[in-house]
PDB file of N, CA and C in Angstrom:
ATOM      1  N   ILE A   1      -2.319  -2.164  -2.580  1.00  0.00           N
ATOM      2  CA  ILE A   1      -2.938  -0.862  -2.758  1.00  0.00           C
ATOM      3  C   ILE A   1      -2.710  -0.375  -4.185  1.00  0.00           C
ATOM      4  N   TYR A   2      -1.472  -0.538  -4.673  1.00  0.00           N
ATOM      5  CA  TYR A   2      -1.178  -0.066  -6.030  1.00  0.00           C
ATOM      6  C   TYR A   2      -1.956  -0.851  -7.078  1.00  0.00           C
ATOM      7  N   SER A   3      -2.247  -2.137  -6.802  1.00  0.00           N
ATOM      8  CA  SER A   3      -3.002  -2.935  -7.770  1.00  0.00           C
ATOM      9  C   SER A   3      -4.437  -2.438  -7.908  1.00  0.00           C
ATOM     10  N   MET A   4      -4.896  -1.662  -6.920  1.00  0.00           N
ATOM     11  CA  MET A   4      -6.243  -1.091  -6.981  1.00  0.00           C
ATOM     12  C   MET A   4      -6.207   0.319  -7.566  1.00  0.00           C
ATOM     13  N   ASN A   5      -5.078   0.680  -8.156  1.00  0.00           N
ATOM     14  CA  ASN A   5      -4.863   1.981  -8.795  1.00  0.00           C
ATOM     15  C   ASN A   5      -4.823   3.146  -7.814  1.00  0.00           C
ATOM     16  N   PHE A   6      -4.447   2.875  -6.569  1.00  0.00           N
ATOM     17  CA  PHE A   6      -4.201   3.951  -5.612  1.00  0.00           C
ATOM     18  C   PHE A   6      -2.745   4.360  -5.757  1.00  0.00           C
ATOM     19  N   ARG A   7      -2.494   5.614  -6.026  1.00  0.00           N
ATOM     20  CA  ARG A   7      -1.122   6.111  -6.156  1.00  0.00           C
ATOM     21  C   ARG A   7      -0.767   7.051  -5.008  1.00  0.00           C
ATOM     22  N   ALA A   8      -1.741   7.787  -4.548  1.00  0.00           N
ATOM     23  CA  ALA A   8      -1.557   8.719  -3.431  1.00  0.00           C
ATOM     24  C   ALA A   8      -2.882   8.768  -2.677  1.00  0.00           C
ATOM     25  N   PRO A   9      -2.847   9.061  -1.387  1.00  0.00           N
ATOM     26  CA  PRO A   9      -4.104   9.110  -0.637  1.00  0.00           C
ATOM     27  C   PRO A   9      -5.007  10.250  -1.110  1.00  0.00           C
ATOM     28  N   SER A  10      -6.301   9.974  -1.109  1.00  0.00           N
ATOM     29  CA  SER A  10      -7.268  11.032  -1.415  1.00  0.00           C
ATOM     30  C   SER A  10      -7.336  11.971  -0.214  1.00  0.00           C
ATOM     31  N   LYS A  11      -8.035  13.068  -0.364  1.00  0.00           N
ATOM     32  CA  LYS A  11      -8.148  14.043   0.725  1.00  0.00           C
ATOM     33  C   LYS A  11      -8.776  13.407   1.970  1.00  0.00           C
ATOM     34  N   ILE A  12      -9.847  12.625   1.786  1.00  0.00           N
ATOM     35  CA  ILE A  12     -10.506  11.997   2.933  1.00  0.00           C
ATOM     36  C   ILE A  12      -9.574  10.994   3.604  1.00  0.00           C
ATOM     37  N   GLN A  13      -8.786  10.273   2.820  1.00  0.00           N
ATOM     38  CA  GLN A  13      -7.828   9.320   3.389  1.00  0.00           C
ATOM     39  C   GLN A  13      -6.700  10.049   4.112  1.00  0.00           C
ATOM     40  N   GLU A  14      -6.246  11.124   3.529  1.00  0.00           N
ATOM     41  CA  GLU A  14      -5.176  11.927   4.124  1.00  0.00           C
ATOM     42  C   GLU A  14      -5.592  12.466   5.498  1.00  0.00           C
ATOM     43  N   ILE A  15      -6.851  12.847   5.614  1.00  0.00           N
ATOM     44  CA  ILE A  15      -7.355  13.418   6.864  1.00  0.00           C
ATOM     45  C   ILE A  15      -7.667  12.325   7.896  1.00  0.00           C
ATOM     46  N   THR A  16      -8.304  11.236   7.460  1.00  0.00           N
ATOM     47  CA  THR A  16      -8.801  10.247   8.419  1.00  0.00           C
ATOM     48  C   THR A  16      -7.794   9.180   8.822  1.00  0.00           C
ATOM     49  N   LEU A  17      -6.954   8.726   7.903  1.00  0.00           N
ATOM     50  CA  LEU A  17      -6.059   7.604   8.226  1.00  0.00           C
ATOM     51  C   LEU A  17      -5.158   7.849   9.436  1.00  0.00           C
ATOM     52  N   PRO A  18      -4.549   9.015   9.596  1.00  0.00           N
ATOM     53  CA  PRO A  18      -3.728   9.208  10.802  1.00  0.00           C
ATOM     54  C   PRO A  18      -4.524   9.013  12.102  1.00  0.00           C
ATOM     55  N   HIS A  19      -5.777   9.442  12.119  1.00  0.00           N
ATOM     56  CA  HIS A  19      -6.613   9.273  13.309  1.00  0.00           C
ATOM     57  C   HIS A  19      -7.018   7.813  13.500  1.00  0.00           C
ATOM     58  N   LEU A  20      -7.347   7.148  12.396  1.00  0.00           N
ATOM     59  CA  LEU A  20      -7.783   5.756  12.473  1.00  0.00           C
ATOM     60  C   LEU A  20      -6.636   4.812  12.809  1.00  0.00           C
ATOM     61  N   LEU A  21      -5.424   5.187  12.445  1.00  0.00           N
ATOM     62  CA  LEU A  21      -4.269   4.329  12.702  1.00  0.00           C
ATOM     63  C   LEU A  21      -3.596   4.630  14.035  1.00  0.00           C
ATOM     64  N   ASN A  22      -4.071   5.662  14.748  1.00  0.00           N
ATOM     65  CA  ASN A  22      -3.558   5.945  16.093  1.00  0.00           C
ATOM     66  C   ASN A  22      -3.791   4.745  16.994  1.00  0.00           C
ATOM     67  N   ASP A  23      -3.042   4.675  18.073  1.00  0.00           N
ATOM     68  CA  ASP A  23      -3.266   3.631  19.058  1.00  0.00           C
ATOM     69  C   ASP A  23      -3.490   4.279  20.409  1.00  0.00           C
ATOM     70  N   PRO A  24      -4.693   4.348  20.910  1.00  0.00           N
ATOM     71  CA  PRO A  24      -5.914   3.779  20.340  1.00  0.00           C
ATOM     72  C   PRO A  24      -6.465   4.666  19.223  1.00  0.00           C
ATOM     73  N   PRO A  25      -7.240   4.065  18.322  1.00  0.00           N
ATOM     74  CA  PRO A  25      -7.813   4.860  17.232  1.00  0.00           C
ATOM     75  C   PRO A  25      -8.843   5.847  17.760  1.00  0.00           C
ATOM     76  N   LYS A  26      -9.049   6.901  17.009  1.00  0.00           N
ATOM     77  CA  LYS A  26     -10.068   7.888  17.371  1.00  0.00           C
ATOM     78  C   LYS A  26     -11.332   7.611  16.566  1.00  0.00           C
ATOM     79  N   ASN A  27     -12.465   7.818  17.196  1.00  0.00           N
ATOM     80  CA  ASN A  27     -13.730   7.714  16.476  1.00  0.00           C
ATOM     81  C   ASN A  27     -13.847   8.904  15.537  1.00  0.00           C
ATOM     82  N   ILE A  28     -14.362   8.644  14.350  1.00  0.00           N
ATOM     83  CA  ILE A  28     -14.466   9.697  13.341  1.00  0.00           C
ATOM     84  C   ILE A  28     -15.833   9.626  12.679  1.00  0.00           C
ATOM     85  N   ILE A  29     -16.406  10.774  12.449  1.00  0.00           N
ATOM     86  CA  ILE A  29     -17.569  10.897  11.577  1.00  0.00           C
ATOM     87  C   ILE A  29     -17.098  11.735  10.403  1.00  0.00           C
ATOM     88  N   ALA A  30     -17.142  11.154   9.221  1.00  0.00           N
ATOM     89  CA  ALA A  30     -16.630  11.849   8.035  1.00  0.00           C
ATOM     90  C   ALA A  30     -17.648  11.748   6.909  1.00  0.00           C
ATOM     91  N   GLN A  31     -17.663  12.766   6.085  1.00  0.00           N
ATOM     92  CA  GLN A  31     -18.559  12.794   4.936  1.00  0.00           C
ATOM     93  C   GLN A  31     -17.751  13.223   3.729  1.00  0.00           C
ATOM     94  N   SER A  32     -17.959  12.517   2.632  1.00  0.00           N
ATOM     95  CA  SER A  32     -17.236  12.835   1.406  1.00  0.00           C
ATOM     96  C   SER A  32     -18.039  12.306   0.224  1.00  0.00           C
ATOM     97  N   GLN A  33     -17.771  12.845  -0.929  1.00  0.00           N
ATOM     98  CA  GLN A  33     -18.455  12.417  -2.143  1.00  0.00           C
ATOM     99  C   GLN A  33     -18.213  10.934  -2.412  1.00  0.00           C
ATOM    100  N   SER A  34     -19.090  10.339  -3.188  1.00  0.00           N
ATOM    101  CA  SER A  34     -18.942   8.952  -3.601  1.00  0.00           C
ATOM    102  C   SER A  34     -17.666   8.792  -4.429  1.00  0.00           C
ATOM    103  N   GLY A  35     -16.956   7.700  -4.196  1.00  0.00           N
ATOM    104  CA  GLY A  35     -15.761   7.416  -4.985  1.00  0.00           C
ATOM    105  C   GLY A  35     -14.504   8.116  -4.528  1.00  0.00           C
ATOM    106  N   THR A  36     -14.501   8.663  -3.319  1.00  0.00           N
ATOM    107  CA  THR A  36     -13.327   9.408  -2.851  1.00  0.00           C
ATOM    108  C   THR A  36     -12.393   8.589  -1.970  1.00  0.00           C
ATOM    109  N   GLY A  37     -12.771   7.341  -1.661  1.00  0.00           N
ATOM    110  CA  GLY A  37     -11.864   6.488  -0.902  1.00  0.00           C
ATOM    111  C   GLY A  37     -12.213   6.275   0.555  1.00  0.00           C
ATOM    112  N   LYS A  38     -13.450   6.553   0.926  1.00  0.00           N
ATOM    113  CA  LYS A  38     -13.854   6.346   2.324  1.00  0.00           C
ATOM    114  C   LYS A  38     -13.748   4.876   2.712  1.00  0.00           C
ATOM    115  N   THR A  39     -14.251   3.993   1.850  1.00  0.00           N
ATOM    116  CA  THR A  39     -14.221   2.563   2.154  1.00  0.00           C
ATOM    117  C   THR A  39     -12.792   2.070   2.302  1.00  0.00           C
ATOM    118  N   ALA A  40     -11.917   2.489   1.423  1.00  0.00           N
ATOM    119  CA  ALA A  40     -10.514   2.074   1.524  1.00  0.00           C
ATOM    120  C   ALA A  40      -9.894   2.578   2.818  1.00  0.00           C
ATOM    121  N   ALA A  41     -10.242   3.782   3.233  1.00  0.00           N
ATOM    122  CA  ALA A  41      -9.666   4.353   4.457  1.00  0.00           C
ATOM    123  C   ALA A  41     -10.021   3.509   5.675  1.00  0.00           C
ATOM    124  N   PHE A  42     -11.303   3.225   5.882  1.00  0.00           N
ATOM    125  CA  PHE A  42     -11.637   2.452   7.082  1.00  0.00           C
ATOM    126  C   PHE A  42     -11.263   0.985   6.926  1.00  0.00           C
ATOM    127  N   SER A  43     -11.188   0.493   5.690  1.00  0.00           N
ATOM    128  CA  SER A  43     -10.763  -0.891   5.475  1.00  0.00           C
ATOM    129  C   SER A  43      -9.292  -1.078   5.819  1.00  0.00           C
ATOM    130  N   ILE A  44      -8.456  -0.156   5.381  1.00  0.00           N
ATOM    131  CA  ILE A  44      -7.023  -0.220   5.698  1.00  0.00           C
ATOM    132  C   ILE A  44      -6.823  -0.174   7.210  1.00  0.00           C
ATOM    133  N   ALA A  45      -7.527   0.728   7.866  1.00  0.00           N
ATOM    134  CA  ALA A  45      -7.400   0.851   9.320  1.00  0.00           C
ATOM    135  C   ALA A  45      -7.873  -0.419  10.022  1.00  0.00           C
ATOM    136  N   THR A  46      -8.961  -0.995   9.560  1.00  0.00           N
ATOM    137  CA  THR A  46      -9.484  -2.215  10.176  1.00  0.00           C
ATOM    138  C   THR A  46      -8.541  -3.386   9.962  1.00  0.00           C
ATOM    139  N   ILE A  47      -8.103  -3.580   8.730  1.00  0.00           N
ATOM    140  CA  ILE A  47      -7.200  -4.692   8.414  1.00  0.00           C
ATOM    141  C   ILE A  47      -5.902  -4.587   9.206  1.00  0.00           C
ATOM    142  N   SER A  48      -5.422  -3.376   9.417  1.00  0.00           N
ATOM    143  CA  SER A  48      -4.152  -3.196  10.125  1.00  0.00           C
ATOM    144  C   SER A  48      -4.233  -3.649  11.579  1.00  0.00           C
ATOM    145  N   ARG A  49      -5.427  -3.786  12.112  1.00  0.00           N
ATOM    146  CA  ARG A  49      -5.600  -4.187  13.512  1.00  0.00           C
ATOM    147  C   ARG A  49      -5.926  -5.672  13.683  1.00  0.00           C
ATOM    148  N   ILE A  50      -6.041  -6.394  12.603  1.00  0.00           N
ATOM    149  CA  ILE A  50      -6.364  -7.817  12.684  1.00  0.00           C
ATOM    150  C   ILE A  50      -5.124  -8.601  13.107  1.00  0.00           C
ATOM    151  N   ASP A  51      -5.291  -9.447  14.115  1.00  0.00           N
ATOM    152  CA  ASP A  51      -4.218 -10.329  14.575  1.00  0.00           C
ATOM    153  C   ASP A  51      -4.476 -11.710  13.979  1.00  0.00           C
ATOM    154  N   PRO A  52      -3.625 -12.168  13.058  1.00  0.00           N
ATOM    155  CA  PRO A  52      -3.872 -13.455  12.398  1.00  0.00           C
ATOM    156  C   PRO A  52      -3.816 -14.645  13.352  1.00  0.00           C
ATOM    157  N   ASN A  53      -3.266 -14.460  14.537  1.00  0.00           N
ATOM    158  CA  ASN A  53      -3.190 -15.550  15.515  1.00  0.00           C
ATOM    159  C   ASN A  53      -4.496 -15.742  16.281  1.00  0.00           C
ATOM    160  N   ILE A  54      -5.372 -14.780  16.202  1.00  0.00           N
ATOM    161  CA  ILE A  54      -6.678 -14.890  16.860  1.00  0.00           C
ATOM    162  C   ILE A  54      -7.665 -15.444  15.840  1.00  0.00           C
ATOM    163  N   LYS A  55      -8.168 -16.620  16.114  1.00  0.00           N
ATOM    164  CA  LYS A  55      -9.034 -17.315  15.157  1.00  0.00           C
ATOM    165  C   LYS A  55     -10.518 -17.110  15.475  1.00  0.00           C
ATOM    166  N   SER A  56     -10.883 -15.894  15.758  1.00  0.00           N
ATOM    167  CA  SER A  56     -12.286 -15.548  15.983  1.00  0.00           C
ATOM    168  C   SER A  56     -12.524 -14.157  15.403  1.00  0.00           C
ATOM    169  N   PRO A  57     -13.775 -13.760  15.231  1.00  0.00           N
ATOM    170  CA  PRO A  57     -14.046 -12.446  14.638  1.00  0.00           C
ATOM    171  C   PRO A  57     -13.377 -11.317  15.424  1.00  0.00           C
ATOM    172  N   GLN A  58     -12.793 -10.380  14.692  1.00  0.00           N
ATOM    173  CA  GLN A  58     -12.098  -9.256  15.308  1.00  0.00           C
ATOM    174  C   GLN A  58     -12.620  -7.909  14.838  1.00  0.00           C
ATOM    175  N   ALA A  59     -13.486  -7.920  13.859  1.00  0.00           N
ATOM    176  CA  ALA A  59     -14.017  -6.657  13.331  1.00  0.00           C
ATOM    177  C   ALA A  59     -15.458  -6.879  12.878  1.00  0.00           C
ATOM    178  N   LEU A  60     -16.237  -5.839  13.012  1.00  0.00           N
ATOM    179  CA  LEU A  60     -17.613  -5.850  12.535  1.00  0.00           C
ATOM    180  C   LEU A  60     -17.844  -4.544  11.791  1.00  0.00           C
ATOM    181  N   ILE A  61     -18.233  -4.662  10.540  1.00  0.00           N
ATOM    182  CA  ILE A  61     -18.522  -3.484   9.722  1.00  0.00           C
ATOM    183  C   ILE A  61     -19.992  -3.566   9.328  1.00  0.00           C
ATOM    184  N   LEU A  62     -20.732  -2.543   9.649  1.00  0.00           N
ATOM    185  CA  LEU A  62     -22.157  -2.497   9.335  1.00  0.00           C
ATOM    186  C   LEU A  62     -22.388  -1.628   8.109  1.00  0.00           C
ATOM    187  N   ALA A  63     -23.315  -2.038   7.276  1.00  0.00           N
ATOM    188  CA  ALA A  63     -23.664  -1.268   6.081  1.00  0.00           C
ATOM    189  C   ALA A  63     -25.184  -1.177   6.001  1.00  0.00           C
ATOM    190  N   PRO A  64     -25.706  -0.069   5.480  1.00  0.00           N
ATOM    191  CA  PRO A  64     -27.161   0.108   5.440  1.00  0.00           C
ATOM    192  C   PRO A  64     -27.874  -0.727   4.377  1.00  0.00           C
ATOM    193  N   THR A  65     -27.138  -1.232   3.394  1.00  0.00           N
ATOM    194  CA  THR A  65     -27.769  -2.049   2.359  1.00  0.00           C
ATOM    195  C   THR A  65     -26.898  -3.265   2.064  1.00  0.00           C
ATOM    196  N   PHE A  66     -27.534  -4.303   1.552  1.00  0.00           N
ATOM    197  CA  PHE A  66     -26.825  -5.518   1.170  1.00  0.00           C
ATOM    198  C   PHE A  66     -25.800  -5.222   0.080  1.00  0.00           C
ATOM    199  N   GLU A  67     -26.181  -4.399  -0.883  1.00  0.00           N
ATOM    200  CA  GLU A  67     -25.289  -4.070  -1.993  1.00  0.00           C
ATOM    201  C   GLU A  67     -24.028  -3.362  -1.500  1.00  0.00           C
ATOM    202  N   LEU A  68     -24.188  -2.432  -0.569  1.00  0.00           N
ATOM    203  CA  LEU A  68     -23.030  -1.735  -0.019  1.00  0.00           C
ATOM    204  C   LEU A  68     -22.163  -2.701   0.789  1.00  0.00           C
ATOM    205  N   ALA A  69     -22.784  -3.622   1.515  1.00  0.00           N
ATOM    206  CA  ALA A  69     -22.021  -4.625   2.264  1.00  0.00           C
ATOM    207  C   ALA A  69     -21.175  -5.474   1.318  1.00  0.00           C
ATOM    208  N   LEU A  70     -21.740  -5.865   0.182  1.00  0.00           N
ATOM    209  CA  LEU A  70     -20.975  -6.630  -0.810  1.00  0.00           C
ATOM    210  C   LEU A  70     -19.808  -5.816  -1.357  1.00  0.00           C
ATOM    211  N   GLN A  71     -20.054  -4.550  -1.634  1.00  0.00           N
ATOM    212  CA  GLN A  71     -19.008  -3.667  -2.155  1.00  0.00           C
ATOM    213  C   GLN A  71     -17.879  -3.516  -1.139  1.00  0.00           C
ATOM    214  N   ILE A  72     -18.219  -3.298   0.121  1.00  0.00           N
ATOM    215  CA  ILE A  72     -17.210  -3.154   1.169  1.00  0.00           C
ATOM    216  C   ILE A  72     -16.411  -4.450   1.301  1.00  0.00           C
ATOM    217  N   GLY A  73     -17.101  -5.583   1.290  1.00  0.00           N
ATOM    218  CA  GLY A  73     -16.416  -6.875   1.366  1.00  0.00           C
ATOM    219  C   GLY A  73     -15.440  -7.068   0.230  1.00  0.00           C
ATOM    220  N   SER A  74     -15.818  -6.653  -0.954  1.00  0.00           N
ATOM    221  CA  SER A  74     -14.939  -6.763  -2.118  1.00  0.00           C
ATOM    222  C   SER A  74     -13.693  -5.898  -1.962  1.00  0.00           C
ATOM    223  N   VAL A  75     -13.866  -4.681  -1.475  1.00  0.00           N
ATOM    224  CA  VAL A  75     -12.720  -3.789  -1.256  1.00  0.00           C
ATOM    225  C   VAL A  75     -11.775  -4.397  -0.227  1.00  0.00           C
ATOM    226  N   ILE A  76     -12.325  -4.913   0.859  1.00  0.00           N
ATOM    227  CA  ILE A  76     -11.489  -5.515   1.902  1.00  0.00           C
ATOM    228  C   ILE A  76     -10.744  -6.728   1.359  1.00  0.00           C
ATOM    229  N   GLU A  77     -11.419  -7.568   0.592  1.00  0.00           N
ATOM    230  CA  GLU A  77     -10.751  -8.730  -0.002  1.00  0.00           C
ATOM    231  C   GLU A  77      -9.609  -8.299  -0.910  1.00  0.00           C
ATOM    232  N   ASN A  78      -9.820  -7.264  -1.712  1.00  0.00           N
ATOM    233  CA  ASN A  78      -8.770  -6.794  -2.623  1.00  0.00           C
ATOM    234  C   ASN A  78      -7.578  -6.212  -1.876  1.00  0.00           C
ATOM    235  N   ILE A  79      -7.834  -5.500  -0.798  1.00  0.00           N
ATOM    236  CA  ILE A  79      -6.736  -4.927  -0.021  1.00  0.00           C
ATOM    237  C   ILE A  79      -5.992  -6.025   0.729  1.00  0.00           C
ATOM    238  N   ALA A  80      -6.730  -6.978   1.295  1.00  0.00           N
ATOM    239  CA  ALA A  80      -6.130  -8.002   2.157  1.00  0.00           C
ATOM    240  C   ALA A  80      -5.489  -9.155   1.393  1.00  0.00           C
ATOM    241  N   LYS A  81      -5.720  -9.273   0.104  1.00  0.00           N
ATOM    242  CA  LYS A  81      -5.225 -10.454  -0.613  1.00  0.00           C
ATOM    243  C   LYS A  81      -3.703 -10.544  -0.666  1.00  0.00           C
ATOM    244  N   PHE A  82      -3.019  -9.459  -0.394  1.00  0.00           N
ATOM    245  CA  PHE A  82      -1.560  -9.486  -0.435  1.00  0.00           C
ATOM    246  C   PHE A  82      -0.931  -9.705   0.939  1.00  0.00           C
ATOM    247  N   LEU A  83      -1.751  -9.866   1.959  1.00  0.00           N
ATOM    248  CA  LEU A  83      -1.216 -10.118   3.295  1.00  0.00           C
ATOM    249  C   LEU A  83      -0.626 -11.525   3.349  1.00  0.00           C
ATOM    250  N   PRO A  84       0.408 -11.717   4.142  1.00  0.00           N
ATOM    251  CA  PRO A  84       1.057 -13.028   4.181  1.00  0.00           C
ATOM    252  C   PRO A  84       0.254 -14.101   4.917  1.00  0.00           C
ATOM    253  N   TYR A  85      -0.812 -13.740   5.567  1.00  0.00           N
ATOM    254  CA  TYR A  85      -1.592 -14.734   6.319  1.00  0.00           C
ATOM    255  C   TYR A  85      -2.963 -14.907   5.747  1.00  0.00           C
TER     256      TYR A  85
END
């Protein structure tokens, strides 16, 4: 997270992450300006639920455009690259 220049959670992350990290997670509809950390918030929550012992798809993230899908994939790769598995 720090390698991506995150030092403290943004307002949207501060509000949504506790709900997304609950067990079970709560569904959320959130709106925030571009660049405020929405993608990182749902990416962190999604990655935290992945079981490396399950060798099949465990998450599905939909995006309205190909470009946004690529951007989301890049964020997830950057966050997940430090995981031990």
